[in-house]
Amino acid sequence: MTEQPINPDITSDDKLWAALGYPIPLISIIALLMEEKKDRPFVKFHAVQSIVLNVAIWAIILVLSVVTLGIGAVCAPVFWLITLWPAFDSYNGKYTEIPGVTNLIKGQGWVD
């Protein structure tokens, strides 16, 4: 993961919404539905990235569970811990780039 410089236009409210969206993806969905939040570039970037990251994590858990006949589901909490790294970075006001995920969301034009 690479980090971009901190932007002084990012408010503490932006940081909180972005950070909570990673471990709790429902917050990211809510942020994208709120007019005042989806217009904030920092919140939008992290909301879209957290949704894609969580979908990828849950897809991996599902495949692992099917392949191991349910035993892989025990790993779900460990995979969930992955979301804490970008949550911590976003709370510190950083645009954290997650390999694969960030390229996907930028390539699809979902964020700038």
Protein backbone atom coordinates (compact mmCIF):
# COMPACT_ATOMS: atom_id res chain seq x y z
CA MET A 1 0.00 0.00 0.00
CA THR A 2 1.31 3.42 -0.91
CA GLU A 3 0.21 6.64 0.65
CA GLN A 4 -0.41 10.06 -0.84
CA PRO A 5 0.28 13.30 1.03
CA ILE A 6 -2.23 14.62 3.56
CA ASN A 7 -4.68 17.25 2.24
CA PRO A 8 -5.48 20.19 4.59
CA ASP A 9 -9.06 20.42 3.18
CA ILE A 10 -9.99 17.12 4.83
CA THR A 11 -12.14 17.63 7.92
CA SER A 12 -12.23 15.43 11.00
CA ASP A 13 -15.76 14.43 9.98
CA ASP A 14 -14.42 13.25 6.60
CA LYS A 15 -11.74 11.22 8.34
CA LEU A 16 -14.27 9.59 10.67
CA TRP A 17 -16.68 8.62 7.88
CA ALA A 18 -13.81 7.24 5.78
CA ALA A 19 -12.31 5.25 8.66
CA LEU A 20 -15.58 3.72 9.84
CA GLY A 21 -16.48 2.67 6.32
CA TYR A 22 -13.76 0.04 6.10
CA PRO A 23 -14.71 -2.23 9.02
CA ILE A 24 -18.43 -1.37 8.67
CA PRO A 25 -19.18 -1.21 4.91
CA LEU A 26 -22.79 -0.16 5.54
CA ILE A 27 -21.41 3.24 6.59
CA SER A 28 -19.70 3.58 3.20
CA ILE A 29 -22.98 2.83 1.43
CA ILE A 30 -24.77 5.43 3.56
CA ALA A 31 -22.01 7.98 2.84
CA LEU A 32 -22.45 7.48 -0.90
CA LEU A 33 -26.19 8.06 -0.55
CA MET A 34 -25.82 11.31 1.43
CA GLU A 35 -25.49 14.39 -0.80
CA GLU A 36 -23.09 16.27 1.47
CA LYS A 37 -20.82 13.24 1.91
CA LYS A 38 -20.62 11.91 -1.64
CA ASP A 39 -19.53 15.35 -2.86
CA ARG A 40 -16.46 15.22 -0.58
CA PRO A 41 -13.61 13.64 -2.63
CA PHE A 42 -11.90 12.08 0.42
CA VAL A 43 -15.08 10.44 1.69
CA LYS A 44 -16.10 9.26 -1.79
CA PHE A 45 -12.67 7.75 -2.51
CA HIS A 46 -12.58 5.79 0.73
CA ALA A 47 -16.25 4.79 0.59
CA VAL A 48 -15.91 3.29 -2.90
CA GLN A 49 -12.57 1.68 -2.03
CA SER A 50 -13.93 0.17 1.19
CA ILE A 51 -16.94 -1.33 -0.59
CA VAL A 52 -14.75 -2.93 -3.28
CA LEU A 53 -12.27 -4.15 -0.64
CA ASN A 54 -15.03 -5.69 1.48
CA VAL A 55 -16.62 -7.38 -1.55
CA ALA A 56 -13.20 -8.85 -2.43
CA ILE A 57 -12.62 -10.04 1.14
CA TRP A 58 -16.03 -11.69 1.36
CA ALA A 59 -15.55 -13.32 -2.05
CA ILE A 60 -12.26 -14.79 -0.82
CA ILE A 61 -13.95 -16.02 2.36
CA LEU A 62 -16.77 -17.59 0.34
CA VAL A 63 -14.39 -19.37 -2.02
CA LEU A 64 -12.22 -20.51 0.88
CA SER A 65 -15.29 -21.80 2.72
CA VAL A 66 -16.53 -23.76 -0.30
CA VAL A 67 -13.12 -25.25 -1.03
CA THR A 68 -12.52 -26.29 2.59
CA LEU A 69 -16.14 -27.37 3.20
CA GLY A 70 -16.86 -24.58 5.68
CA ILE A 71 -13.65 -24.68 7.66
CA GLY A 72 -12.35 -21.62 5.82
CA ALA A 73 -15.15 -19.53 7.33
CA VAL A 74 -13.19 -19.62 10.58
CA CYS A 75 -10.71 -17.27 8.86
CA ALA A 76 -13.37 -14.56 8.36
CA PRO A 77 -12.34 -12.52 11.43
CA VAL A 78 -8.70 -12.65 10.33
CA PHE A 79 -9.61 -11.35 6.88
CA TRP A 80 -11.75 -8.64 8.50
CA LEU A 81 -8.62 -7.38 10.29
CA ILE A 82 -7.27 -6.39 6.86
CA THR A 83 -9.79 -3.52 6.83
CA LEU A 84 -8.21 -1.94 9.89
CA TRP A 85 -5.06 -0.85 8.02
CA PRO A 86 -6.77 1.45 5.49
CA ALA A 87 -9.20 2.56 8.23
CA PHE A 88 -6.27 3.73 10.35
CA ASP A 89 -4.65 5.50 7.40
CA SER A 90 -7.87 7.22 6.37
CA TYR A 91 -8.43 8.40 9.94
CA ASN A 92 -5.00 10.00 9.68
CA GLY A 93 -6.12 11.81 6.51
CA LYS A 94 -4.24 9.70 3.96
CA TYR A 95 -5.41 8.45 0.58
CA THR A 96 -4.18 4.89 0.96
CA GLU A 97 -3.78 2.99 -2.29
CA ILE A 98 -4.55 -0.72 -2.02
CA PRO A 99 -2.95 -2.67 -4.88
CA GLY A 100 -5.55 -3.96 -7.29
CA VAL A 101 -8.47 -2.28 -5.54
CA THR A 102 -7.37 1.32 -6.13
CA ASN A 103 -6.40 0.56 -9.73
CA LEU A 104 -9.83 -1.00 -10.31
CA ILE A 105 -11.87 1.90 -8.91
CA LYS A 106 -9.77 4.52 -10.74
CA GLY A 107 -9.79 2.52 -13.98
CA GLN A 108 -13.59 2.18 -13.86
CA GLY A 109 -13.92 5.94 -13.26
CA TRP A 110 -15.68 5.48 -9.92
CA VAL A 111 -13.27 7.97 -8.30
CA ASP A 112 -10.83 10.59 -9.56
